[in-house]
Amino acid sequence: MSSDKYNKAKEAYINKLSKSDETGMKFSTVSGEPVKPLYTQDDIGNTNQLDEIGFPGEYPYTRGIHTNGYRGKNWTMRQFAGFGTPEDTNQRFKYLLEHGQTGLSVAFDLPTLMGWDADSPMSQGEVGICGVAVSSLQDMEILFDGIPLDKVSTSMTINSPAAMIFAFYLAVAQKQGVGFDKLRGTLQNDILKEYIAQKEFIFPPRPSMRIITDMIEYCANEVPQWNPVSISGYHIREAGSTAAQELAYTLADGFAYIEACLERGMDIDSFAPRLSFFFNSHLDFFEEIAKYRAARRIYAKRLREKYGAKSPRSWWLRFHSQTAGCTLTAQQPENNIVRTAFQAMAAVLGGTQSLHTNSMDETLALPSEKAVKIALRTQQILAYETGVINTVDPLGGSYFVESLTNKMEAEANRIFGEIDSLGGVIDAIEHGYFQKEIADSAYRYQRELEKKEKFIVGINEFVEEESKVDIPILTISPDVEIQQRKRLAALHLSRNQNEVEISLKEISEAALNGNNLMPVFVKAANNYVTLGEMVEELKQHFGTYEEAVVF
């Protein structure tokens, strides 16, 4: 068809479209970006097909980092698991592995996330409630009892005390006789995200960056298959950010870690291939897919053009995704199964390497075994029944998707400029920039719900007066805390206290002299120094952080 004929046909269609009835709905993405009624070639303009979109497995990886997509290997199916005692979670891990899960993902309780032992006064009432309680190597040994660490890939969602928890894991590997070069997995270990969104920080930003840089350097030399940090946008989105903010803030954090390692004198290609990312998969189907595609393109360009990475593996943005916990509703909780399925589909069509699907009851309590199984089966149905793995990047070339991808990239680059103008990520955190921007976005979305410009089924539309929940709720007994406190008391009596004191002194010396902290953490773990003891030792030198108040 000639261009003149096409343009006339398009103009006639748009004239008809403008006369069609309106429903009164606000046609925009979840993030508030207006969506046109029709997208055409004009919306992607002069996009260079080869340089900007390209082919799967080729720079700039807009269409995916692997040439054959999921035809070569499915994404890793993970389910976030952790509750009660290490014995409880060990049983759940074995249950999940028996039902076809291909990787473990550990959820820790609040005391562990904050670096408190189970017998700390700060831990009272929280031990084992939102995850598994781990205070020492002894707990980690029980957690992975009967699970060979060279046979599974393990993800651990922990940040401020991640280095100490990782030391426990490494010590378990040593006791199993598994070489560090055989270990595969990921630590979240993204402290910048904590200051921005999740707020589970201990030390100030700058010493925290030092600890993470130590870990990246240590893993590059000693644990080569391990991903020492998973730069996480998930919690940024859960806090109320837009998709573009999630994308930009996450990548900005990643670039900050890269620059810290380069300042340390590390070669970019020695550590960049093991950096990974963690994104939210929210409900706006096409926006999420565009976000993932833009993320790969931005990252590849920056790694090659700004940081000078020469290895194509360094240009790859590899990411785990999790369906959006903030979209789960306590009302009509079975609807969460449907929400999760669509969110999982978006992550898969966006090219995720690993996926966690939320359980329908997670807004009520820790997930039950039945709900976890349904969430896992959701992934398996996606992989084996829907046909989504048959071709690579099936939405590539869509006018709408490519337009959204371009807009997402442009908006992220604009946000990078704002962050740079404030002096970088840490200065922006200290100025409260991220916190204010996210709060503004969350408020905008809440107002749209209140005005019914956006809908949540069962919340502001299709509401049922009495919604009886017939889902069994997993509850954690107070006996968990009693048991963990007794275990710690016995450990304090049985360990060699002289070795404990020597280890704590070595941690202090390393904190002061700038030596890499990881070797002394591993030694301390083997001497059964507890998590809380290590953290308290570092607080003496690094201090603690108080966030600036933002209104």
Protein backbone atom coordinates (compact mmCIF):
# COMPACT_ATOMS: atom_id res chain seq x y z
CA MET A 1 0.00 0.00 0.00
CA SER A 2 1.35 3.45 -0.89
CA SER A 3 2.04 5.92 1.92
CA ASP A 4 -0.64 8.32 0.62
CA LYS A 5 -3.27 5.58 0.58
CA TYR A 6 -2.23 4.44 4.05
CA ASN A 7 -2.39 7.97 5.48
CA LYS A 8 -5.86 8.56 4.02
CA ALA A 9 -7.10 5.26 5.43
CA LYS A 10 -5.62 6.09 8.84
CA GLU A 11 -7.20 9.56 8.85
CA ALA A 12 -10.60 8.09 8.00
CA TYR A 13 -10.27 5.56 10.82
CA ILE A 14 -9.29 8.22 13.36
CA ASN A 15 -12.29 10.33 12.36
CA LYS A 16 -14.58 7.36 13.03
CA LEU A 17 -12.78 6.63 16.28
CA SER A 18 -13.26 10.17 17.57
CA LYS A 19 -17.03 9.83 17.14
CA SER A 20 -17.27 6.59 19.10
CA ASP A 21 -18.89 6.51 22.52
CA GLU A 22 -16.71 7.04 25.61
CA THR A 23 -17.16 4.89 28.71
CA GLY A 24 -16.06 7.58 31.12
CA MET A 25 -13.03 5.56 32.19
CA LYS A 26 -9.61 7.15 32.39
CA PHE A 27 -7.54 5.47 29.70
CA SER A 28 -4.06 5.55 31.15
CA THR A 29 -1.54 3.10 32.52
CA VAL A 30 -1.41 2.26 36.22
CA SER A 31 1.43 4.80 36.36
CA GLY A 32 -0.81 7.52 34.98
CA GLU A 33 0.62 7.69 31.46
CA PRO A 34 -2.10 8.49 28.87
CA VAL A 35 -2.82 5.70 26.38
CA LYS A 36 -3.98 6.56 22.89
CA PRO A 37 -6.86 4.62 21.31
CA LEU A 38 -4.63 3.49 18.45
CA TYR A 39 -0.89 3.09 17.84
CA THR A 40 0.68 3.04 14.39
CA GLN A 41 4.08 3.22 12.74
CA ASP A 42 4.04 6.96 13.44
CA ASP A 43 4.28 6.31 17.18
CA ILE A 44 7.67 4.68 16.89
CA GLY A 45 8.91 7.32 14.43
CA ASN A 46 12.34 6.73 13.03
CA THR A 47 13.28 4.01 15.49
CA ASN A 48 16.31 2.21 14.11
CA GLN A 49 15.15 -1.39 13.94
CA LEU A 50 18.66 -2.82 14.17
CA ASP A 51 20.27 -0.47 16.70
CA GLU A 52 17.32 0.04 19.06
CA ILE A 53 15.25 -3.16 18.77
CA GLY A 54 17.60 -5.63 17.14
CA PHE A 55 17.42 -9.38 17.63
CA PRO A 56 17.16 -11.52 20.77
CA GLY A 57 20.56 -12.29 22.23
CA GLU A 58 22.19 -9.32 20.48
CA TYR A 59 23.07 -5.81 21.66
CA PRO A 60 21.22 -3.80 22.97
CA TYR A 61 19.13 -6.82 24.10
CA THR A 62 15.78 -5.04 23.89
CA ARG A 63 14.28 -8.36 22.77
CA GLY A 64 16.03 -10.49 25.40
CA ILE A 65 19.50 -11.59 26.43
CA HIS A 66 19.26 -15.12 25.02
CA THR A 67 19.09 -15.89 21.32
CA ASN A 68 16.54 -18.68 21.72
CA GLY A 69 14.61 -17.29 24.70
CA TYR A 70 12.78 -19.99 26.66
CA ARG A 71 13.20 -22.51 23.85
CA GLY A 72 16.63 -23.17 25.34
CA LYS A 73 15.74 -23.03 29.04
CA ASN A 74 12.67 -22.04 31.02
CA TRP A 75 12.85 -19.32 33.61
CA THR A 76 13.70 -20.48 37.13
CA MET A 77 10.52 -21.05 39.13
CA ARG A 78 10.97 -19.81 42.66
CA GLN A 79 8.56 -19.51 45.57
CA PHE A 80 9.45 -17.21 48.44
CA ALA A 81 9.42 -19.38 51.56
CA GLY A 82 10.32 -18.93 55.17
CA PHE A 83 8.45 -19.01 58.47
CA GLY A 84 8.81 -20.09 62.05
CA THR A 85 11.84 -22.12 63.02
CA PRO A 86 14.57 -23.31 60.63
CA GLU A 87 13.04 -26.79 60.96
CA ASP A 88 9.66 -25.50 59.75
CA THR A 89 11.15 -23.82 56.70
CA ASN A 90 13.40 -26.77 55.91
CA GLN A 91 10.27 -28.91 55.60
CA ARG A 92 8.62 -26.34 53.31
CA PHE A 93 11.74 -26.20 51.11
CA LYS A 94 11.68 -29.96 50.67
CA TYR A 95 7.94 -29.83 49.90
CA LEU A 96 8.50 -27.24 47.18
CA LEU A 97 11.42 -29.11 45.63
CA GLU A 98 9.35 -32.30 45.56
CA HIS A 99 6.58 -30.46 43.67
CA GLY A 100 8.79 -29.22 40.88
CA GLN A 101 10.25 -25.93 42.11
CA THR A 102 13.67 -25.35 40.57
CA GLY A 103 15.16 -22.84 43.01
CA LEU A 104 14.80 -21.84 46.65
CA SER A 105 14.01 -18.31 47.83
CA VAL A 106 14.44 -17.58 51.53
CA ALA A 107 12.26 -15.15 53.47
CA PHE A 108 13.70 -14.08 56.83
CA ASP A 109 11.81 -12.76 59.83
CA LEU A 110 11.97 -9.10 60.86
CA PRO A 111 14.57 -9.56 63.63
CA THR A 112 16.93 -11.25 61.17
CA LEU A 113 16.33 -8.52 58.57
CA MET A 114 17.24 -5.90 61.18
CA GLY A 115 20.28 -7.75 62.48
CA TRP A 116 18.77 -8.69 65.86
CA ASP A 117 19.17 -12.11 67.45
CA ALA A 118 16.02 -13.98 68.48
CA ASP A 119 16.78 -13.28 72.16
CA SER A 120 17.07 -9.51 71.69
CA PRO A 121 14.41 -7.38 73.44
CA MET A 122 13.78 -5.80 70.01
CA SER A 123 12.76 -9.22 68.63
CA GLN A 124 9.97 -9.89 71.09
CA GLY A 125 6.77 -10.95 69.35
CA GLU A 126 8.35 -11.02 65.87
CA VAL A 127 10.46 -14.18 65.86
CA GLY A 128 9.52 -16.41 62.92
CA ILE A 129 6.43 -14.36 62.08
CA CYS A 130 7.12 -12.97 58.59
CA GLY A 131 9.93 -15.36 57.70
CA VAL A 132 12.39 -17.82 59.14
CA ALA A 133 14.43 -16.92 62.23
CA VAL A 134 18.20 -17.15 61.67
CA SER A 135 20.54 -15.94 64.41
CA SER A 136 23.59 -18.13 63.88
CA LEU A 137 25.30 -20.74 61.76
CA GLN A 138 23.43 -23.35 63.78
CA ASP A 139 20.11 -22.07 62.41
CA MET A 140 21.47 -22.02 58.87
CA GLU A 141 22.71 -25.60 59.21
CA ILE A 142 19.20 -26.72 60.17
CA LEU A 143 17.60 -24.62 57.43
CA PHE A 144 19.55 -26.44 54.70
CA ASP A 145 19.78 -29.85 56.34
CA GLY A 146 19.45 -32.53 53.66
CA ILE A 147 19.56 -29.97 50.84
CA PRO A 148 22.86 -30.19 48.92
CA LEU A 149 23.97 -26.64 48.18
CA ASP A 150 25.73 -27.65 44.97
CA LYS A 151 22.41 -28.95 43.55
CA VAL A 152 20.08 -26.00 44.18
CA SER A 153 20.08 -22.31 43.34
CA THR A 154 19.29 -20.25 46.43
CA SER A 155 17.98 -16.71 46.61
CA MET A 156 18.06 -14.89 49.94
CA THR A 157 16.00 -11.75 50.48
CA ILE A 158 18.01 -9.80 53.02
CA ASN A 159 19.84 -6.50 52.85
CA SER A 160 21.47 -4.71 55.79
CA PRO A 161 22.93 -7.87 57.41
CA ALA A 162 23.24 -9.75 54.11
CA ALA A 163 27.02 -10.15 54.44
CA MET A 164 26.71 -11.98 57.76
CA ILE A 165 23.85 -14.19 56.55
CA PHE A 166 25.88 -15.04 53.44
CA ALA A 167 28.80 -15.94 55.70
CA PHE A 168 26.52 -18.44 57.47
CA TYR A 169 25.55 -19.91 54.10
CA LEU A 170 29.19 -20.22 53.02
CA ALA A 171 30.04 -21.91 56.31
CA VAL A 172 27.26 -24.46 55.70
CA ALA A 173 28.74 -25.14 52.26
CA GLN A 174 32.12 -25.76 53.87
CA LYS A 175 30.56 -28.22 56.32
CA GLN A 176 28.84 -30.01 53.41
CA GLY A 177 32.17 -30.19 51.57
CA VAL A 178 30.85 -28.03 48.72
CA GLY A 179 33.38 -25.74 47.09
CA PHE A 180 32.43 -22.07 46.83
CA ASP A 181 32.86 -22.31 43.05
CA LYS A 182 29.89 -24.72 42.96
CA LEU A 183 27.44 -22.39 44.73
CA ARG A 184 24.71 -20.73 42.64
CA GLY A 185 22.27 -18.16 43.84
CA THR A 186 21.57 -14.56 44.66
CA LEU A 187 21.61 -12.23 47.63
CA GLN A 188 19.28 -9.27 47.43
CA ASN A 189 21.80 -7.17 49.36
CA ASP A 190 20.51 -3.90 47.86
CA ILE A 191 20.96 -1.39 50.65
CA LEU A 192 20.26 1.70 48.54
CA LYS A 193 16.73 0.45 47.93
CA GLU A 194 16.26 0.18 51.68
CA TYR A 195 16.89 3.88 52.19
CA ILE A 196 14.61 4.68 49.25
CA ALA A 197 11.65 2.41 49.97
CA GLN A 198 11.72 -0.50 52.39
CA LYS A 199 13.44 1.16 55.38
CA GLU A 200 15.18 -1.92 56.81
CA PHE A 201 18.54 -0.21 57.17
CA ILE A 202 21.07 -0.38 60.00
CA PHE A 203 24.21 1.55 59.12
CA PRO A 204 24.48 4.88 57.25
CA PRO A 205 24.66 4.72 53.43
CA ARG A 206 28.41 5.16 52.97
CA PRO A 207 29.67 2.36 55.27
CA SER A 208 26.85 0.18 53.93
CA MET A 209 28.18 0.77 50.42
CA ARG A 210 31.61 -0.31 51.64
CA ILE A 211 30.20 -3.63 52.93
CA ILE A 212 28.45 -4.34 49.62
CA THR A 213 31.56 -3.47 47.63
CA ASP A 214 33.51 -5.91 49.84
CA MET A 215 30.96 -8.61 49.03
CA ILE A 216 31.03 -7.99 45.28
CA GLU A 217 34.82 -8.11 45.31
CA TYR A 218 34.88 -11.27 47.45
CA CYS A 219 32.38 -13.10 45.25
CA ALA A 220 34.25 -12.13 42.07
CA ASN A 221 37.33 -13.84 43.51
CA GLU A 222 35.89 -16.67 45.61
CA VAL A 223 32.26 -17.44 44.67
CA PRO A 224 32.22 -16.90 40.91
CA GLN A 225 28.73 -18.28 40.14
CA TRP A 226 27.03 -16.25 42.87
CA ASN A 227 25.12 -13.01 42.27
CA PRO A 228 26.25 -10.85 45.22
CA VAL A 229 23.59 -8.17 44.78
CA SER A 230 20.12 -8.16 43.24
CA ILE A 231 19.36 -4.52 42.56
CA SER A 232 15.74 -4.31 43.52
CA GLY A 233 12.97 -2.19 42.09
CA TYR A 234 10.34 -4.48 43.57
CA HIS A 235 10.02 -2.66 46.88
CA ILE A 236 10.27 0.74 45.22
CA ARG A 237 7.15 -0.18 43.23
CA GLU A 238 5.43 -1.64 46.28
CA ALA A 239 5.98 1.70 48.04
CA GLY A 240 3.93 3.43 45.33
CA SER A 241 6.29 4.44 42.53
CA THR A 242 5.37 4.51 38.87
CA ALA A 243 6.81 1.95 36.47
CA ALA A 244 9.25 4.53 35.08
CA GLN A 245 10.38 5.52 38.58
CA GLU A 246 10.89 1.87 39.49
CA LEU A 247 12.97 1.43 36.36
CA ALA A 248 15.05 4.59 36.77
CA TYR A 249 15.66 4.36 40.51
CA THR A 250 16.62 0.69 40.26
CA LEU A 251 19.09 1.23 37.43
CA ALA A 252 20.51 4.32 39.17
CA ASP A 253 21.19 2.19 42.25
CA GLY A 254 22.87 -0.41 40.06
CA PHE A 255 25.08 2.20 38.45
CA ALA A 256 26.02 3.47 41.93
CA TYR A 257 27.23 -0.02 42.92
CA ILE A 258 29.17 -0.31 39.68
CA GLU A 259 30.87 3.05 40.26
CA ALA A 260 31.78 2.06 43.84
CA CYS A 261 33.46 -1.10 42.53
CA LEU A 262 35.30 0.84 39.84
CA GLU A 263 36.55 3.27 42.51
CA ARG A 264 37.82 0.21 44.41
CA GLY A 265 39.94 -0.56 41.33
CA MET A 266 37.99 -3.57 40.11
CA ASP A 267 37.78 -4.34 36.40
CA ILE A 268 34.22 -3.91 35.15
CA ASP A 269 34.18 -7.29 33.41
CA SER A 270 35.31 -9.08 36.58
CA PHE A 271 32.08 -8.34 38.44
CA ALA A 272 29.39 -6.92 36.14
CA PRO A 273 28.34 -10.34 34.72
CA ARG A 274 27.24 -11.40 38.24
CA LEU A 275 25.10 -8.35 39.00
CA SER A 276 21.40 -9.10 38.78
CA PHE A 277 18.15 -7.18 39.11
CA PHE A 278 14.77 -7.72 40.71
CA PHE A 279 11.64 -6.08 39.28
CA ASN A 280 8.00 -5.92 40.23
CA SER A 281 5.44 -7.32 37.81
CA HIS A 282 2.44 -5.09 38.30
CA LEU A 283 -1.03 -5.22 36.78
CA ASP A 284 -0.65 -2.96 33.74
CA PHE A 285 0.25 -5.72 31.32
CA PHE A 286 1.85 -3.80 28.45
CA GLU A 287 3.52 -1.18 30.64
CA GLU A 288 5.34 -3.90 32.55
CA ILE A 289 6.56 -5.61 29.39
CA ALA A 290 7.83 -2.28 28.05
CA LYS A 291 9.60 -1.63 31.35
CA TYR A 292 11.62 -4.83 31.12
CA ARG A 293 12.54 -4.22 27.48
CA ALA A 294 13.63 -0.65 28.19
CA ALA A 295 15.65 -1.79 31.20
CA ARG A 296 17.75 -4.17 29.11
CA ARG A 297 18.41 -1.53 26.46
CA ILE A 298 19.38 1.24 28.89
CA TYR A 299 21.65 -1.08 30.87
CA ALA A 300 23.43 -2.48 27.83
CA LYS A 301 24.12 0.99 26.44
CA ARG A 302 25.41 2.32 29.77
CA LEU A 303 27.65 -0.66 30.49
CA ARG A 304 29.24 -0.60 27.06
CA GLU A 305 29.36 3.10 26.31
CA LYS A 306 29.95 4.73 29.73
CA TYR A 307 31.69 2.06 31.80
CA GLY A 308 33.64 0.47 28.95
CA ALA A 309 32.64 -3.12 29.58
CA LYS A 310 33.99 -5.33 26.80
CA SER A 311 32.35 -8.66 27.61
CA PRO A 312 28.81 -9.09 26.21
CA ARG A 313 27.94 -10.86 29.46
CA SER A 314 28.56 -7.57 31.26
CA TRP A 315 25.98 -5.88 29.02
CA TRP A 316 23.25 -8.34 29.96
CA LEU A 317 20.62 -7.17 32.40
CA ARG A 318 19.50 -10.39 34.07
CA PHE A 319 16.49 -10.11 36.32
CA HIS A 320 14.20 -11.93 38.70
CA SER A 321 10.60 -10.79 38.91
CA GLN A 322 7.85 -11.17 41.46
CA THR A 323 4.18 -10.51 41.01
CA ALA A 324 2.94 -7.40 42.81
CA GLY A 325 2.13 -7.98 46.45
CA CYS A 326 0.56 -4.53 46.69
CA THR A 327 -2.17 -5.58 44.23
CA LEU A 328 -3.36 -8.50 46.36
CA THR A 329 -6.63 -7.93 48.17
CA ALA A 330 -8.02 -9.39 51.37
CA GLN A 331 -11.48 -9.00 49.84
CA GLN A 332 -12.40 -11.84 47.46
CA PRO A 333 -8.88 -13.31 47.82
CA GLU A 334 -9.44 -15.94 45.11
CA ASN A 335 -9.28 -13.05 42.62
CA ASN A 336 -5.58 -12.83 43.51
CA ILE A 337 -4.98 -16.07 41.60
CA VAL A 338 -6.13 -14.32 38.41
CA ARG A 339 -4.13 -11.16 39.12
CA THR A 340 -1.02 -13.23 39.74
CA ALA A 341 -1.45 -15.20 36.50
CA PHE A 342 -1.61 -12.05 34.35
CA GLN A 343 1.31 -10.46 36.17
CA ALA A 344 3.34 -13.64 35.69
CA MET A 345 2.47 -13.64 31.99
CA ALA A 346 3.75 -10.05 31.69
CA ALA A 347 7.04 -10.99 33.35
CA VAL A 348 7.48 -13.96 31.01
CA LEU A 349 6.63 -11.97 27.88
CA GLY A 350 9.09 -9.36 29.14
CA GLY A 351 11.87 -11.95 29.30
CA THR A 352 12.42 -12.64 33.00
CA GLN A 353 15.12 -15.14 34.02
CA SER A 354 13.44 -16.08 37.29
CA LEU A 355 9.93 -15.67 38.66
CA HIS A 356 8.08 -15.80 41.96
CA THR A 357 4.29 -15.91 41.88
CA ASN A 358 2.47 -14.63 44.95
CA SER A 359 -0.02 -16.82 46.75
CA MET A 360 -3.66 -15.78 46.98
CA ASP A 361 -3.61 -15.57 50.78
CA GLU A 362 -0.41 -13.53 51.26
CA THR A 363 -2.35 -10.37 52.05
CA LEU A 364 -3.88 -12.25 55.01
CA ALA A 365 -0.87 -14.13 56.38
CA LEU A 366 2.10 -16.22 55.35
CA PRO A 367 0.95 -18.50 52.51
CA SER A 368 -0.52 -21.90 53.19
CA GLU A 369 0.82 -25.00 51.38
CA LYS A 370 -2.27 -25.17 49.17
CA ALA A 371 -1.95 -21.53 48.11
CA VAL A 372 1.76 -21.95 47.43
CA LYS A 373 1.08 -24.97 45.24
CA ILE A 374 -1.51 -23.03 43.20
CA ALA A 375 1.01 -20.21 42.73
CA LEU A 376 3.65 -22.66 41.53
CA ARG A 377 1.18 -24.44 39.24
CA THR A 378 0.39 -21.02 37.71
CA GLN A 379 3.97 -20.82 36.48
CA GLN A 380 3.96 -24.39 35.25
CA ILE A 381 0.74 -23.83 33.26
CA LEU A 382 2.32 -20.73 31.73
CA ALA A 383 5.42 -22.65 30.73
CA TYR A 384 3.85 -25.86 29.47
CA GLU A 385 0.30 -25.06 28.32
CA THR A 386 0.00 -21.48 27.00
CA GLY A 387 2.56 -21.51 24.19
CA VAL A 388 4.38 -18.40 25.43
CA ILE A 389 7.75 -20.14 25.23
CA ASN A 390 7.39 -21.04 21.55
CA THR A 391 8.82 -17.83 20.12
CA VAL A 392 11.19 -15.19 21.44
CA ASP A 393 9.80 -11.76 22.40
CA PRO A 394 6.41 -12.33 20.71
CA LEU A 395 5.34 -8.71 21.30
CA GLY A 396 8.44 -7.23 19.69
CA GLY A 397 7.45 -4.96 16.81
CA SER A 398 4.07 -4.09 18.32
CA TYR A 399 3.56 -0.38 17.69
CA PHE A 400 2.12 0.00 21.18
CA VAL A 401 4.82 -1.97 22.98
CA GLU A 402 7.69 -0.35 21.06
CA SER A 403 6.22 3.10 21.69
CA LEU A 404 5.88 2.37 25.41
CA THR A 405 9.44 1.01 25.48
CA ASN A 406 10.81 4.18 23.89
CA LYS A 407 8.84 6.40 26.28
CA MET A 408 10.02 4.38 29.26
CA GLU A 409 13.64 4.79 28.19
CA ALA A 410 13.23 8.54 27.64
CA GLU A 411 11.57 9.05 31.03
CA ALA A 412 14.25 7.01 32.82
CA ASN A 413 16.98 9.11 31.20
CA ARG A 414 15.18 12.27 32.35
CA ILE A 415 15.09 10.94 35.93
CA PHE A 416 18.79 10.03 35.77
CA GLY A 417 19.44 13.70 35.02
CA GLU A 418 17.50 14.76 38.12
CA ILE A 419 19.48 12.34 40.31
CA ASP A 420 22.79 13.53 38.86
CA SER A 421 21.82 17.15 39.50
CA LEU A 422 21.45 16.29 43.21
CA GLY A 423 24.93 14.78 43.34
CA GLY A 424 24.11 11.12 42.80
CA VAL A 425 22.07 8.43 44.51
CA ILE A 426 23.39 8.78 48.08
CA ASP A 427 23.05 12.57 48.09
CA ALA A 428 19.54 12.22 46.64
CA ILE A 429 18.65 9.78 49.44
CA GLU A 430 19.96 12.17 52.07
CA HIS A 431 17.93 15.01 50.50
CA GLY A 432 14.75 12.88 50.59
CA TYR A 433 14.31 13.10 46.82
CA PHE A 434 13.25 9.48 46.21
CA GLN A 435 10.94 9.36 49.20
CA LYS A 436 9.05 12.49 48.12
CA GLU A 437 8.68 11.41 44.49
CA ILE A 438 7.33 8.00 45.46
CA ALA A 439 4.92 9.49 47.98
CA ASP A 440 3.58 11.87 45.33
CA SER A 441 3.02 9.00 42.89
CA ALA A 442 1.28 6.86 45.51
CA TYR A 443 -1.02 9.76 46.40
CA ARG A 444 -1.93 10.35 42.76
CA TYR A 445 -2.93 6.70 42.30
CA GLN A 446 -4.94 6.68 45.53
CA ARG A 447 -6.89 9.73 44.37
CA GLU A 448 -7.66 8.00 41.06
CA LEU A 449 -9.11 5.05 42.98
CA GLU A 450 -11.18 7.30 45.20
CA LYS A 451 -12.58 9.15 42.16
CA LYS A 452 -13.17 5.81 40.39
CA GLU A 453 -10.91 6.73 37.50
CA LYS A 454 -9.18 3.42 38.24
CA PHE A 455 -10.76 0.26 39.54
CA ILE A 456 -9.78 -2.59 41.83
CA VAL A 457 -12.27 -5.44 41.66
CA GLY A 458 -13.76 -6.07 45.07
CA ILE A 459 -12.41 -2.80 46.50
CA ASN A 460 -14.04 0.13 44.72
CA GLU A 461 -16.14 -1.81 42.21
CA PHE A 462 -17.93 -5.20 42.19
CA VAL A 463 -17.88 -5.08 45.98
CA GLU A 464 -19.54 -7.81 48.04
CA GLU A 465 -21.09 -6.77 51.31
CA GLU A 466 -19.96 -9.84 53.21
CA SER A 467 -17.03 -11.69 51.79
CA LYS A 468 -16.42 -14.84 53.77
CA VAL A 469 -12.85 -16.10 53.54
CA ASP A 470 -12.65 -19.89 53.52
CA ILE A 471 -8.89 -20.00 53.09
CA PRO A 472 -6.89 -21.71 55.85
CA ILE A 473 -4.52 -19.20 57.44
CA LEU A 474 -1.00 -20.14 58.46
CA THR A 475 -0.36 -18.96 62.01
CA ILE A 476 2.93 -18.93 63.88
CA SER A 477 2.89 -20.26 67.41
CA PRO A 478 4.52 -18.27 70.25
CA ASP A 479 6.45 -21.48 70.90
CA VAL A 480 8.69 -20.58 67.94
CA GLU A 481 10.19 -17.66 69.86
CA ILE A 482 10.60 -19.75 73.00
CA GLN A 483 12.36 -22.49 71.03
CA GLN A 484 14.69 -20.06 69.27
CA ARG A 485 15.62 -18.35 72.52
CA LYS A 486 16.42 -21.72 74.13
CA ARG A 487 18.55 -22.69 71.14
CA LEU A 488 20.55 -19.47 71.42
CA ALA A 489 21.02 -19.92 75.17
CA ALA A 490 22.39 -23.44 74.60
CA LEU A 491 24.66 -22.16 71.81
CA HIS A 492 26.16 -19.50 74.08
CA LEU A 493 27.06 -22.20 76.59
CA SER A 494 28.47 -24.71 74.09
CA ARG A 495 30.66 -22.54 71.82
CA ASN A 496 34.27 -21.54 72.46
CA GLN A 497 33.95 -18.05 73.94
CA ASN A 498 37.64 -17.27 73.40
CA GLU A 499 37.25 -17.88 69.65
CA VAL A 500 34.15 -15.68 69.67
CA GLU A 501 36.08 -12.80 71.26
CA ILE A 502 38.93 -13.18 68.76
CA SER A 503 36.47 -13.12 65.84
CA LEU A 504 34.75 -9.98 67.11
CA LYS A 505 38.11 -8.27 67.49
CA GLU A 506 39.02 -9.25 63.91
CA ILE A 507 35.74 -7.78 62.67
CA SER A 508 36.58 -4.49 64.42
CA GLU A 509 40.06 -4.42 62.96
CA ALA A 510 38.79 -5.06 59.43
CA ALA A 511 36.13 -2.35 59.83
CA LEU A 512 38.83 0.14 60.82
CA ASN A 513 41.69 -0.82 58.49
CA GLY A 514 39.58 -1.18 55.35
CA ASN A 515 40.36 -4.85 54.71
CA ASN A 516 37.62 -6.93 53.08
CA LEU A 517 35.12 -7.93 55.76
CA MET A 518 33.89 -11.17 54.18
CA PRO A 519 36.77 -13.47 55.25
CA VAL A 520 36.42 -12.42 58.87
CA PHE A 521 32.64 -12.83 58.71
CA VAL A 522 33.05 -16.42 57.43
CA LYS A 523 35.55 -17.19 60.19
CA ALA A 524 33.22 -15.68 62.78
CA ALA A 525 30.32 -17.72 61.42
CA ASN A 526 32.31 -20.92 61.83
CA ASN A 527 33.03 -19.89 65.41
CA TYR A 528 29.27 -19.51 65.97
CA VAL A 529 29.37 -15.77 66.50
CA THR A 530 25.75 -14.69 66.18
CA LEU A 531 24.27 -12.27 63.70
CA GLY A 532 23.44 -9.75 66.42
CA GLU A 533 26.95 -9.86 67.83
CA MET A 534 28.52 -9.12 64.45
CA VAL A 535 26.10 -6.27 63.79
CA GLU A 536 26.65 -4.69 67.21
CA GLU A 537 30.42 -4.84 66.69
CA LEU A 538 30.09 -2.92 63.41
CA LYS A 539 27.71 -0.36 64.92
CA GLN A 540 30.55 0.75 67.21
CA HIS A 541 32.50 1.88 64.14
CA PHE A 542 29.87 2.62 61.50
CA GLY A 543 27.06 4.01 63.65
CA THR A 544 23.37 3.76 62.75
CA TYR A 545 21.23 5.73 60.31
CA GLU A 546 18.26 7.99 60.92
CA GLU A 547 16.26 9.03 57.89
CA ALA A 548 15.56 12.66 57.12
CA VAL A 549 11.86 13.48 57.54
CA VAL A 550 10.08 14.28 54.27
CA PHE A 551 6.61 15.82 54.07
